[in-house]
Structures are given as structure tokens and as C-alpha cells.
């Protein structure tokens, strides 16, 4: 999941440099959403592992 967020971030950077504002904004939005999903899943996984270890 984090890999896809980084890929969309790189696409957004390349699109911004080349002047494609709409594509850059869309790719950046997707990257943000994927990063938040990754954080939620990672935190949930850590908490689940912490409680299962007891």
C-alpha cells in the first residue's frame, strides 16, 4: 500500500513539473488517500499484534 502511495506521489511530482496541473492534483489526492489507508492499517496491525501477544 505504501508503495502505491509513493508511486502516485512520484507521478504527481512529474506531472507538476511538466505542467499537467489536473493530473498532478489527482495523483497527489490518490497518494494522500492511500497513505492514510496505509497508516490506519499499520496502526491496526500493531495494536492487534500488541493485544494478541498478551
C-alpha atoms as a PDB file:
ATOM      1  CA  UNK A   1       0.000   0.000   0.000  1.00  0.00           C
ATOM      2  CA  UNK A   2       2.802   2.388   0.890  1.00  0.00           C
ATOM      3  CA  UNK A   3       4.492   1.506  -2.391  1.00  0.00           C
ATOM      4  CA  UNK A   4       1.448   2.638  -4.372  1.00  0.00           C
ATOM      5  CA  UNK A   5       1.262   5.882  -2.398  1.00  0.00           C
ATOM      6  CA  UNK A   6       4.891   6.612  -3.264  1.00  0.00           C
ATOM      7  CA  UNK A   7       4.275   5.750  -6.924  1.00  0.00           C
ATOM      8  CA  UNK A   8       1.339   8.161  -7.149  1.00  0.00           C
ATOM      9  CA  UNK A   9       3.393  10.822  -5.354  1.00  0.00           C
ATOM     10  CA  UNK A  10       6.169  10.466  -7.939  1.00  0.00           C
ATOM     11  CA  UNK A  11       3.605  10.630 -10.748  1.00  0.00           C
ATOM     12  CA  UNK A  12       2.206  13.811  -9.190  1.00  0.00           C
ATOM     13  CA  UNK A  13       5.673  15.360  -8.999  1.00  0.00           C
ATOM     14  CA  UNK A  14       6.471  14.514 -12.619  1.00  0.00           C
ATOM     15  CA  UNK A  15       3.097  15.800 -13.802  1.00  0.00           C
ATOM     16  CA  UNK A  16       3.561  19.029 -11.838  1.00  0.00           C
ATOM     17  CA  UNK A  17       6.997  19.616 -13.341  1.00  0.00           C
ATOM     18  CA  UNK A  18       5.639  19.035 -16.841  1.00  0.00           C
ATOM     19  CA  UNK A  19       2.738  21.410 -16.230  1.00  0.00           C
ATOM     20  CA  UNK A  20      -0.172  18.991 -16.056  1.00  0.00           C
ATOM     21  CA  UNK A  21      -1.918  20.569 -13.064  1.00  0.00           C
ATOM     22  CA  UNK A  22      -5.101  18.497 -13.112  1.00  0.00           C
ATOM     23  CA  UNK A  23      -3.280  15.186 -13.345  1.00  0.00           C
ATOM     24  CA  UNK A  24      -0.840  16.255 -10.644  1.00  0.00           C
ATOM     25  CA  UNK A  25      -3.656  17.198  -8.285  1.00  0.00           C
ATOM     26  CA  UNK A  26      -5.479  13.926  -8.908  1.00  0.00           C
ATOM     27  CA  UNK A  27      -2.354  11.819  -8.382  1.00  0.00           C
ATOM     28  CA  UNK A  28      -1.485  13.737  -5.220  1.00  0.00           C
ATOM     29  CA  UNK A  29      -5.008  13.196  -3.888  1.00  0.00           C
ATOM     30  CA  UNK A  30      -4.817   9.474  -4.570  1.00  0.00           C
ATOM     31  CA  UNK A  31      -1.394   9.322  -2.902  1.00  0.00           C
ATOM     32  CA  UNK A  32      -2.772  11.051   0.204  1.00  0.00           C
ATOM     33  CA  UNK A  33      -5.722   8.672   0.432  1.00  0.00           C
ATOM     34  CA  UNK A  34      -3.519   5.590   0.016  1.00  0.00           C
ATOM     35  CA  UNK A  35      -1.080   6.880   2.629  1.00  0.00           C
ATOM     36  CA  UNK A  36      -3.871   7.421   5.158  1.00  0.00           C
ATOM     37  CA  UNK A  37      -5.235   3.930   4.478  1.00  0.00           C
ATOM     38  CA  UNK A  38      -1.719   2.548   4.957  1.00  0.00           C
ATOM     39  CA  UNK A  39      -1.346   4.364   8.287  1.00  0.00           C
ATOM     40  CA  UNK A  40      -4.710   3.101   9.554  1.00  0.00           C
ATOM     41  CA  UNK A  41      -3.933  -0.489   8.567  1.00  0.00           C
ATOM     42  CA  UNK A  42      -0.410  -0.336  10.011  1.00  0.00           C
ATOM     43  CA  UNK A  43      -1.678   1.080  13.311  1.00  0.00           C
ATOM     44  CA  UNK A  44      -4.444  -1.527  13.460  1.00  0.00           C
ATOM     45  CA  UNK A  45      -1.953  -4.288  12.765  1.00  0.00           C
ATOM     46  CA  UNK A  46       0.382  -3.049  15.507  1.00  0.00           C
ATOM     47  CA  UNK A  47      -2.432  -2.787  18.022  1.00  0.00           C
ATOM     48  CA  UNK A  48      -3.749  -6.222  17.114  1.00  0.00           C
ATOM     49  CA  UNK A  49      -0.265  -7.698  17.492  1.00  0.00           C
ATOM     50  CA  UNK A  50       0.172  -5.963  20.844  1.00  0.00           C
ATOM     51  CA  UNK A  51      -3.106  -7.314  22.228  1.00  0.00           C
ATOM     52  CA  UNK A  52      -2.624 -10.806  20.794  1.00  0.00           C
ATOM     53  CA  UNK A  53       0.826 -11.055  22.328  1.00  0.00           C
ATOM     54  CA  UNK A  54      -0.619 -10.939  25.830  1.00  0.00           C
END
